[in-house]
Structures are given as C-alpha cells and as structure tokens.
C-alpha cells in the first residue's frame, strides 16, 4: 500500500499558507476611497421608515417611500376573516 506522508516542514508551510490566506481573506473594504465615502455621506442620509427597523439610504431632502418593496397588506374583518380562516384549514 502506498501511503502519502507529509513531512513536518511541508506541514508547517501548509499551515502558514492557510493562515495567511484566511487572515487576508477576512480583510475587506467596501471599495470606496475615503474621499468617495465622504461624498456619499454628504449626498445621502440613512433614515428609518414608519413601521420598519431596516435603514434606507436616500438622497438628502427627499422623502423615502414607505414600505418600498414590502409585500402588500390587507386588513380583513368580520365574515371575510372567518371565511379566509376556514379556507386555510384542511378539510377532513
């Protein structure tokens, strides 16, 4: 049977290469220079719409669209609510 043996020196080199790869892979930038980042802060502001905890970035002075991209919601009351619940229940 042929077995592959890794020498101690090869093993340490492999560990260093892995360590360097992991540490350099963790460092990330958002691709903006400091000057571009500052210009973005001057033009845009982060706001929270009513009923949402998700921040939105909008141009300064503009109003954000409320629930932009959210699913439509309808309020059902009375008999329509009862019928909707019954329609969702499995039939025997």
PDB file of N, CA and C in Angstrom:
ATOM      1  N   UNK A   1       0.829  -1.167   0.000  1.00  0.00           N
ATOM      2  CA  UNK A   1       0.000   0.000   0.000  1.00  0.00           C
ATOM      3  C   UNK A   1       0.884   1.244   0.000  1.00  0.00           C
ATOM      4  N   UNK A   2       0.561   2.157  -0.867  1.00  0.00           N
ATOM      5  CA  UNK A   2       1.322   3.405  -0.892  1.00  0.00           C
ATOM      6  C   UNK A   2       0.653   4.415   0.024  1.00  0.00           C
ATOM      7  N   UNK A   3       1.412   4.926   0.941  1.00  0.00           N
ATOM      8  CA  UNK A   3       0.894   5.951   1.850  1.00  0.00           C
ATOM      9  C   UNK A   3       1.611   7.247   1.571  1.00  0.00           C
ATOM     10  N   UNK A   4       0.869   8.319   1.672  1.00  0.00           N
ATOM     11  CA  UNK A   4       1.465   9.623   1.465  1.00  0.00           C
ATOM     12  C   UNK A   4       1.794  10.200   2.838  1.00  0.00           C
ATOM     13  N   UNK A   5       3.052  10.510   3.025  1.00  0.00           N
ATOM     14  CA  UNK A   5       3.494  11.100   4.282  1.00  0.00           C
ATOM     15  C   UNK A   5       3.827  12.560   4.044  1.00  0.00           C
ATOM     16  N   UNK A   6       3.357  13.408   4.914  1.00  0.00           N
ATOM     17  CA  UNK A   6       3.675  14.826   4.834  1.00  0.00           C
ATOM     18  C   UNK A   6       4.752  15.093   5.874  1.00  0.00           C
ATOM     19  N   UNK A   7       5.826  15.666   5.410  1.00  0.00           N
ATOM     20  CA  UNK A   7       6.910  15.961   6.344  1.00  0.00           C
ATOM     21  C   UNK A   7       6.520  17.124   7.235  1.00  0.00           C
ATOM     22  N   UNK A   8       7.226  17.261   8.340  1.00  0.00           N
ATOM     23  CA  UNK A   8       6.941  18.325   9.289  1.00  0.00           C
ATOM     24  C   UNK A   8       7.132  19.687   8.628  1.00  0.00           C
ATOM     25  N   UNK A   9       8.158  19.819   7.821  1.00  0.00           N
ATOM     26  CA  UNK A   9       8.425  21.089   7.147  1.00  0.00           C
ATOM     27  C   UNK A   9       7.287  21.432   6.176  1.00  0.00           C
ATOM     28  N   UNK A  10       6.832  20.461   5.413  1.00  0.00           N
ATOM     29  CA  UNK A  10       5.734  20.693   4.479  1.00  0.00           C
ATOM     30  C   UNK A  10       4.451  21.042   5.225  1.00  0.00           C
ATOM     31  N   UNK A  11       4.238  20.381   6.348  1.00  0.00           N
ATOM     32  CA  UNK A  11       3.049  20.630   7.147  1.00  0.00           C
ATOM     33  C   UNK A  11       3.045  22.059   7.685  1.00  0.00           C
ATOM     34  N   UNK A  12       4.193  22.544   8.168  1.00  0.00           N
ATOM     35  CA  UNK A  12       4.273  23.906   8.702  1.00  0.00           C
ATOM     36  C   UNK A  12       4.091  24.931   7.589  1.00  0.00           C
ATOM     37  N   UNK A  13       4.643  24.669   6.421  1.00  0.00           N
ATOM     38  CA  UNK A  13       4.460  25.579   5.291  1.00  0.00           C
ATOM     39  C   UNK A  13       2.978  25.639   4.903  1.00  0.00           C
ATOM     40  N   UNK A  14       2.327  24.497   4.873  1.00  0.00           N
ATOM     41  CA  UNK A  14       0.905  24.448   4.562  1.00  0.00           C
ATOM     42  C   UNK A  14       0.080  25.220   5.592  1.00  0.00           C
ATOM     43  N   UNK A  15       0.442  25.098   6.862  1.00  0.00           N
ATOM     44  CA  UNK A  15      -0.260  25.833   7.907  1.00  0.00           C
ATOM     45  C   UNK A  15      -0.086  27.339   7.735  1.00  0.00           C
ATOM     46  N   UNK A  16       1.122  27.784   7.422  1.00  0.00           N
ATOM     47  CA  UNK A  16       1.366  29.219   7.229  1.00  0.00           C
ATOM     48  C   UNK A  16       0.603  29.753   6.023  1.00  0.00           C
ATOM     49  N   UNK A  17       0.590  28.999   4.950  1.00  0.00           N
ATOM     50  CA  UNK A  17      -0.138  29.435   3.758  1.00  0.00           C
ATOM     51  C   UNK A  17      -1.633  29.543   4.063  1.00  0.00           C
ATOM     52  N   UNK A  18      -2.160  28.580   4.792  1.00  0.00           N
ATOM     53  CA  UNK A  18      -3.573  28.609   5.169  1.00  0.00           C
ATOM     54  C   UNK A  18      -3.867  29.800   6.080  1.00  0.00           C
ATOM     55  N   UNK A  19      -3.012  30.038   7.064  1.00  0.00           N
ATOM     56  CA  UNK A  19      -3.199  31.149   7.993  1.00  0.00           C
ATOM     57  C   UNK A  19      -3.181  32.485   7.261  1.00  0.00           C
ATOM     58  N   UNK A  20      -2.210  32.660   6.379  1.00  0.00           N
ATOM     59  CA  UNK A  20      -2.130  33.908   5.619  1.00  0.00           C
ATOM     60  C   UNK A  20      -3.357  34.062   4.719  1.00  0.00           C
ATOM     61  N   UNK A  21      -3.794  32.986   4.091  1.00  0.00           N
ATOM     62  CA  UNK A  21      -4.973  33.048   3.237  1.00  0.00           C
ATOM     63  C   UNK A  21      -6.223  33.409   4.008  1.00  0.00           C
ATOM     64  N   UNK A  22      -6.387  32.842   5.178  1.00  0.00           N
ATOM     65  CA  UNK A  22      -7.575  33.131   5.990  1.00  0.00           C
ATOM     66  C   UNK A  22      -7.541  34.571   6.484  1.00  0.00           C
ATOM     67  N   UNK A  23      -6.396  35.022   6.958  1.00  0.00           N
ATOM     68  CA  UNK A  23      -6.318  36.374   7.502  1.00  0.00           C
ATOM     69  C   UNK A  23      -6.458  37.440   6.422  1.00  0.00           C
ATOM     70  N   UNK A  24      -5.909  37.210   5.252  1.00  0.00           N
ATOM     71  CA  UNK A  24      -6.060  38.208   4.191  1.00  0.00           C
ATOM     72  C   UNK A  24      -7.453  38.147   3.590  1.00  0.00           C
ATOM     73  N   UNK A  25      -8.095  37.002   3.631  1.00  0.00           N
ATOM     74  CA  UNK A  25      -9.455  36.887   3.117  1.00  0.00           C
ATOM     75  C   UNK A  25     -10.462  37.578   4.012  1.00  0.00           C
ATOM     76  N   UNK A  26     -10.171  37.701   5.288  1.00  0.00           N
ATOM     77  CA  UNK A  26     -11.094  38.346   6.219  1.00  0.00           C
ATOM     78  C   UNK A  26     -11.064  39.864   6.079  1.00  0.00           C
ATOM     79  N   UNK A  27      -9.972  40.394   5.597  1.00  0.00           N
ATOM     80  CA  UNK A  27      -9.879  41.841   5.439  1.00  0.00           C
ATOM     81  C   UNK A  27     -10.642  42.229   4.181  1.00  0.00           C
ATOM     82  N   UNK A  28     -11.619  43.087   4.348  1.00  0.00           N
ATOM     83  CA  UNK A  28     -12.395  43.510   3.193  1.00  0.00           C
ATOM     84  C   UNK A  28     -12.667  45.000   3.298  1.00  0.00           C
ATOM     85  N   UNK A  29     -12.843  45.611   2.162  1.00  0.00           N
ATOM     86  CA  UNK A  29     -13.243  47.011   2.112  1.00  0.00           C
ATOM     87  C   UNK A  29     -14.479  47.078   1.241  1.00  0.00           C
ATOM     88  N   UNK A  30     -15.205  48.150   1.372  1.00  0.00           N
ATOM     89  CA  UNK A  30     -16.388  48.283   0.555  1.00  0.00           C
ATOM     90  C   UNK A  30     -16.076  48.923  -0.791  1.00  0.00           C
ATOM     91  N   UNK A  31     -14.806  49.063  -1.116  1.00  0.00           N
ATOM     92  CA  UNK A  31     -14.405  49.539  -2.426  1.00  0.00           C
ATOM     93  C   UNK A  31     -14.430  51.036  -2.592  1.00  0.00           C
ATOM     94  N   UNK A  32     -14.710  51.787  -1.549  1.00  0.00           N
ATOM     95  CA  UNK A  32     -14.759  53.236  -1.646  1.00  0.00           C
ATOM     96  C   UNK A  32     -13.537  53.850  -0.982  1.00  0.00           C
ATOM     97  N   UNK A  33     -12.990  54.848  -1.623  1.00  0.00           N
ATOM     98  CA  UNK A  33     -11.893  55.585  -1.006  1.00  0.00           C
ATOM     99  C   UNK A  33     -12.477  56.483   0.079  1.00  0.00           C
ATOM    100  N   UNK A  34     -11.617  57.051   0.897  1.00  0.00           N
ATOM    101  CA  UNK A  34     -12.104  57.929   1.964  1.00  0.00           C
ATOM    102  C   UNK A  34     -12.818  59.149   1.389  1.00  0.00           C
ATOM    103  N   UNK A  35     -12.311  59.654   0.273  1.00  0.00           N
ATOM    104  CA  UNK A  35     -12.936  60.819  -0.352  1.00  0.00           C
ATOM    105  C   UNK A  35     -14.317  60.479  -0.903  1.00  0.00           C
ATOM    106  N   UNK A  36     -14.434  59.335  -1.561  1.00  0.00           N
ATOM    107  CA  UNK A  36     -15.726  58.920  -2.111  1.00  0.00           C
ATOM    108  C   UNK A  36     -16.720  58.625  -0.997  1.00  0.00           C
ATOM    109  N   UNK A  37     -16.249  58.044   0.085  1.00  0.00           N
ATOM    110  CA  UNK A  37     -17.117  57.739   1.222  1.00  0.00           C
ATOM    111  C   UNK A  37     -17.663  59.034   1.829  1.00  0.00           C
ATOM    112  N   UNK A  38     -16.808  60.059   1.927  1.00  0.00           N
ATOM    113  CA  UNK A  38     -17.240  61.338   2.482  1.00  0.00           C
ATOM    114  C   UNK A  38     -18.265  62.014   1.563  1.00  0.00           C
ATOM    115  N   UNK A  39     -18.063  61.929   0.254  1.00  0.00           N
ATOM    116  CA  UNK A  39     -19.033  62.496  -0.686  1.00  0.00           C
ATOM    117  C   UNK A  39     -20.373  61.782  -0.578  1.00  0.00           C
ATOM    118  N   UNK A  40     -20.342  60.477  -0.369  1.00  0.00           N
ATOM    119  CA  UNK A  40     -21.590  59.725  -0.220  1.00  0.00           C
ATOM    120  C   UNK A  40     -22.330  60.183   1.033  1.00  0.00           C
ATOM    121  N   UNK A  41     -21.589  60.406   2.124  1.00  0.00           N
ATOM    122  CA  UNK A  41     -22.229  60.869   3.362  1.00  0.00           C
ATOM    123  C   UNK A  41     -22.853  62.244   3.183  1.00  0.00           C
ATOM    124  N   UNK A  42     -22.225  63.096   2.351  1.00  0.00           N
ATOM    125  CA  UNK A  42     -22.764  64.435   2.131  1.00  0.00           C
ATOM    126  C   UNK A  42     -24.035  64.402   1.288  1.00  0.00           C
ATOM    127  N   UNK A  43     -24.121  63.482   0.352  1.00  0.00           N
ATOM    128  CA  UNK A  43     -25.273  63.426  -0.558  1.00  0.00           C
ATOM    129  C   UNK A  43     -26.437  62.614  -0.006  1.00  0.00           C
ATOM    130  N   UNK A  44     -26.148  61.613   0.795  1.00  0.00           N
ATOM    131  CA  UNK A  44     -27.181  60.686   1.245  1.00  0.00           C
ATOM    132  C   UNK A  44     -27.275  60.688   2.764  1.00  0.00           C
ATOM    133  N   UNK A  45     -28.437  60.269   3.245  1.00  0.00           N
ATOM    134  CA  UNK A  45     -28.634  60.095   4.683  1.00  0.00           C
ATOM    135  C   UNK A  45     -29.364  58.781   4.924  1.00  0.00           C
ATOM    136  N   UNK A  46     -29.189  58.231   6.101  1.00  0.00           N
ATOM    137  CA  UNK A  46     -29.835  56.977   6.464  1.00  0.00           C
ATOM    138  C   UNK A  46     -31.083  57.291   7.273  1.00  0.00           C
ATOM    139  N   UNK A  47     -32.218  56.761   6.839  1.00  0.00           N
ATOM    140  CA  UNK A  47     -33.495  57.017   7.516  1.00  0.00           C
ATOM    141  C   UNK A  47     -34.204  55.692   7.780  1.00  0.00           C
ATOM    142  N   UNK A  48     -35.128  55.723   8.710  1.00  0.00           N
ATOM    143  CA  UNK A  48     -35.971  54.570   9.031  1.00  0.00           C
ATOM    144  C   UNK A  48     -37.410  54.950   8.721  1.00  0.00           C
ATOM    145  N   UNK A  49     -38.103  54.149   7.917  1.00  0.00           N
ATOM    146  CA  UNK A  49     -39.489  54.449   7.608  1.00  0.00           C
ATOM    147  C   UNK A  49     -40.374  53.980   8.756  1.00  0.00           C
ATOM    148  N   UNK A  50     -41.582  54.485   8.788  1.00  0.00           N
ATOM    149  CA  UNK A  50     -42.512  54.144   9.852  1.00  0.00           C
ATOM    150  C   UNK A  50     -42.838  52.654   9.790  1.00  0.00           C
ATOM    151  N   UNK A  51     -42.726  51.992  10.908  1.00  0.00           N
ATOM    152  CA  UNK A  51     -43.060  50.578  10.981  1.00  0.00           C
ATOM    153  C   UNK A  51     -41.951  49.655  10.512  1.00  0.00           C
ATOM    154  N   UNK A  52     -40.743  50.184  10.322  1.00  0.00           N
ATOM    155  CA  UNK A  52     -39.650  49.354   9.848  1.00  0.00           C
ATOM    156  C   UNK A  52     -38.398  49.627  10.674  1.00  0.00           C
ATOM    157  N   UNK A  53     -37.622  48.581  10.893  1.00  0.00           N
ATOM    158  CA  UNK A  53     -36.356  48.717  11.592  1.00  0.00           C
ATOM    159  C   UNK A  53     -35.189  48.628  10.612  1.00  0.00           C
ATOM    160  N   UNK A  54     -35.499  48.592   9.334  1.00  0.00           N
ATOM    161  CA  UNK A  54     -34.469  48.453   8.314  1.00  0.00           C
ATOM    162  C   UNK A  54     -34.081  49.841   7.816  1.00  0.00           C
ATOM    163  N   UNK A  55     -32.802  50.194   7.904  1.00  0.00           N
ATOM    164  CA  UNK A  55     -32.390  51.520   7.446  1.00  0.00           C
ATOM    165  C   UNK A  55     -32.401  51.618   5.926  1.00  0.00           C
ATOM    166  N   UNK A  56     -32.734  52.799   5.425  1.00  0.00           N
ATOM    167  CA  UNK A  56     -32.703  53.082   3.995  1.00  0.00           C
ATOM    168  C   UNK A  56     -31.777  54.261   3.760  1.00  0.00           C
ATOM    169  N   UNK A  57     -31.069  54.226   2.658  1.00  0.00           N
ATOM    170  CA  UNK A  57     -30.221  55.341   2.275  1.00  0.00           C
ATOM    171  C   UNK A  57     -30.933  56.112   1.178  1.00  0.00           C
ATOM    172  N   UNK A  58     -31.222  57.383   1.454  1.00  0.00           N
ATOM    173  CA  UNK A  58     -31.919  58.234   0.491  1.00  0.00           C
ATOM    174  C   UNK A  58     -31.133  59.524   0.318  1.00  0.00           C
ATOM    175  N   UNK A  59     -31.381  60.197  -0.808  1.00  0.00           N
ATOM    176  CA  UNK A  59     -30.741  61.497  -1.029  1.00  0.00           C
ATOM    177  C   UNK A  59     -31.231  62.471   0.035  1.00  0.00           C
ATOM    178  N   UNK A  60     -30.359  63.367   0.445  1.00  0.00           N
ATOM    179  CA  UNK A  60     -30.729  64.350   1.464  1.00  0.00           C
ATOM    180  C   UNK A  60     -31.887  65.207   0.965  1.00  0.00           C
ATOM    181  N   UNK A  61     -32.884  65.407   1.824  1.00  0.00           N
ATOM    182  CA  UNK A  61     -34.021  66.238   1.484  1.00  0.00           C
ATOM    183  C   UNK A  61     -35.172  65.499   0.833  1.00  0.00           C
ATOM    184  N   UNK A  62     -34.964  64.268   0.387  1.00  0.00           N
ATOM    185  CA  UNK A  62     -36.049  63.506  -0.230  1.00  0.00           C
ATOM    186  C   UNK A  62     -36.742  62.646   0.814  1.00  0.00           C
ATOM    187  N   UNK A  63     -38.027  62.396   0.587  1.00  0.00           N
ATOM    188  CA  UNK A  63     -38.775  61.523   1.482  1.00  0.00           C
ATOM    189  C   UNK A  63     -38.669  60.090   0.987  1.00  0.00           C
ATOM    190  N   UNK A  64     -38.384  59.168   1.872  1.00  0.00           N
ATOM    191  CA  UNK A  64     -38.324  57.762   1.449  1.00  0.00           C
ATOM    192  C   UNK A  64     -39.718  57.217   1.190  1.00  0.00           C
ATOM    193  N   UNK A  65     -39.807  56.290   0.260  1.00  0.00           N
ATOM    194  CA  UNK A  65     -41.086  55.625   0.009  1.00  0.00           C
ATOM    195  C   UNK A  65     -41.393  54.722   1.191  1.00  0.00           C
ATOM    196  N   UNK A  66     -42.576  54.827   1.729  1.00  0.00           N
ATOM    197  CA  UNK A  66     -42.972  53.983   2.851  1.00  0.00           C
ATOM    198  C   UNK A  66     -43.162  52.556   2.362  1.00  0.00           C
ATOM    199  N   UNK A  67     -42.526  51.613   3.007  1.00  0.00           N
ATOM    200  CA  UNK A  67     -42.636  50.189   2.693  1.00  0.00           C
ATOM    201  C   UNK A  67     -42.308  49.883   1.238  1.00  0.00           C
ATOM    202  N   UNK A  68     -41.320  50.536   0.701  1.00  0.00           N
ATOM    203  CA  UNK A  68     -40.898  50.266  -0.670  1.00  0.00           C
ATOM    204  C   UNK A  68     -40.364  48.837  -0.747  1.00  0.00           C
ATOM    205  N   UNK A  69     -40.975  48.022  -1.555  1.00  0.00           N
ATOM    206  CA  UNK A  69     -40.526  46.646  -1.696  1.00  0.00           C
ATOM    207  C   UNK A  69     -41.168  45.678  -0.728  1.00  0.00           C
ATOM    208  N   UNK A  70     -42.025  46.161   0.140  1.00  0.00           N
ATOM    209  CA  UNK A  70     -42.676  45.274   1.092  1.00  0.00           C
ATOM    210  C   UNK A  70     -43.882  44.612   0.442  1.00  0.00           C
ATOM    211  N   UNK A  71     -44.272  43.505   0.982  1.00  0.00           N
ATOM    212  CA  UNK A  71     -45.455  42.818   0.468  1.00  0.00           C
ATOM    213  C   UNK A  71     -46.699  43.621   0.818  1.00  0.00           C
ATOM    214  N   UNK A  72     -47.686  43.629  -0.066  1.00  0.00           N
ATOM    215  CA  UNK A  72     -48.915  44.366   0.242  1.00  0.00           C
ATOM    216  C   UNK A  72     -49.664  43.703   1.398  1.00  0.00           C
ATOM    217  N   UNK A  73     -50.292  44.516   2.188  1.00  0.00           N
ATOM    218  CA  UNK A  73     -51.019  44.018   3.358  1.00  0.00           C
ATOM    219  C   UNK A  73     -52.462  44.474   3.249  1.00  0.00           C
ATOM    220  N   UNK A  74     -53.383  43.584   3.555  1.00  0.00           N
ATOM    221  CA  UNK A  74     -54.803  43.924   3.556  1.00  0.00           C
ATOM    222  C   UNK A  74     -55.387  43.571   4.913  1.00  0.00           C
ATOM    223  N   UNK A  75     -56.308  44.376   5.359  1.00  0.00           N
ATOM    224  CA  UNK A  75     -56.984  44.125   6.628  1.00  0.00           C
ATOM    225  C   UNK A  75     -58.327  43.479   6.314  1.00  0.00           C
ATOM    226  N   UNK A  76     -58.533  42.301   6.875  1.00  0.00           N
ATOM    227  CA  UNK A  76     -59.781  41.582   6.657  1.00  0.00           C
ATOM    228  C   UNK A  76     -60.492  41.490   7.996  1.00  0.00           C
ATOM    229  N   UNK A  77     -61.760  41.855   8.002  1.00  0.00           N
ATOM    230  CA  UNK A  77     -62.524  41.833   9.247  1.00  0.00           C
ATOM    231  C   UNK A  77     -63.841  41.096   9.036  1.00  0.00           C
ATOM    232  N   UNK A  78     -64.410  40.690  10.134  1.00  0.00           N
ATOM    233  CA  UNK A  78     -65.751  40.125  10.123  1.00  0.00           C
ATOM    234  C   UNK A  78     -65.860  38.800   9.401  1.00  0.00           C
ATOM    235  N   UNK A  79     -66.915  38.697   8.594  1.00  0.00           N
ATOM    236  CA  UNK A  79     -67.203  37.432   7.908  1.00  0.00           C
ATOM    237  C   UNK A  79     -66.120  37.063   6.903  1.00  0.00           C
ATOM    238  N   UNK A  80     -65.523  38.065   6.266  1.00  0.00           N
ATOM    239  CA  UNK A  80     -64.449  37.766   5.315  1.00  0.00           C
ATOM    240  C   UNK A  80     -63.262  37.116   6.026  1.00  0.00           C
ATOM    241  N   UNK A  81     -62.957  37.560   7.250  1.00  0.00           N
ATOM    242  CA  UNK A  81     -61.862  36.966   8.019  1.00  0.00           C
ATOM    243  C   UNK A  81     -62.200  35.524   8.385  1.00  0.00           C
ATOM    244  N   UNK A  82     -63.445  35.304   8.814  1.00  0.00           N
ATOM    245  CA  UNK A  82     -63.873  33.958   9.169  1.00  0.00           C
ATOM    246  C   UNK A  82     -63.785  33.027   7.961  1.00  0.00           C
ATOM    247  N   UNK A  83     -64.247  33.491   6.806  1.00  0.00           N
ATOM    248  CA  UNK A  83     -64.207  32.669   5.601  1.00  0.00           C
ATOM    249  C   UNK A  83     -62.765  32.391   5.159  1.00  0.00           C
ATOM    250  N   UNK A  84     -61.892  33.389   5.331  1.00  0.00           N
ATOM    251  CA  UNK A  84     -60.493  33.202   4.943  1.00  0.00           C
ATOM    252  C   UNK A  84     -59.812  32.167   5.827  1.00  0.00           C
ATOM    253  N   UNK A  85     -60.111  32.203   7.127  1.00  0.00           N
ATOM    254  CA  UNK A  85     -59.519  31.227   8.047  1.00  0.00           C
ATOM    255  C   UNK A  85     -60.047  29.834   7.748  1.00  0.00           C
ATOM    256  N   UNK A  86     -61.318  29.719   7.474  1.00  0.00           N
ATOM    257  CA  UNK A  86     -61.897  28.404   7.159  1.00  0.00           C
ATOM    258  C   UNK A  86     -61.322  27.848   5.864  1.00  0.00           C
ATOM    259  N   UNK A  87     -61.047  28.716   4.911  1.00  0.00           N
ATOM    260  CA  UNK A  87     -60.489  28.257   3.634  1.00  0.00           C
ATOM    261  C   UNK A  87     -59.065  27.717   3.808  1.00  0.00           C
ATOM    262  N   UNK A  88     -58.349  28.196   4.817  1.00  0.00           N
ATOM    263  CA  UNK A  88     -56.974  27.741   5.047  1.00  0.00           C
ATOM    264  C   UNK A  88     -56.922  26.427   5.839  1.00  0.00           C
ATOM    265  N   UNK A  89     -57.959  26.091   6.530  1.00  0.00           N
ATOM    266  CA  UNK A  89     -57.957  24.882   7.337  1.00  0.00           C
ATOM    267  C   UNK A  89     -58.121  23.653   6.452  1.00  0.00           C
ATOM    268  N   UNK A  90     -57.380  22.580   6.772  1.00  0.00           N
ATOM    269  CA  UNK A  90     -57.514  21.356   5.962  1.00  0.00           C
ATOM    270  C   UNK A  90     -58.888  20.726   6.165  1.00  0.00           C
ATOM    271  N   UNK A  91     -59.390  20.166   5.122  1.00  0.00           N
ATOM    272  CA  UNK A  91     -60.704  19.515   5.190  1.00  0.00           C
ATOM    273  C   UNK A  91     -60.510  18.043   5.527  1.00  0.00           C
ATOM    274  N   UNK A  92     -61.397  17.491   6.313  1.00  0.00           N
ATOM    275  CA  UNK A  92     -61.253  16.056   6.691  1.00  0.00           C
ATOM    276  C   UNK A  92     -61.550  15.123   5.550  1.00  0.00           C
TER     277      UNK A  92
END
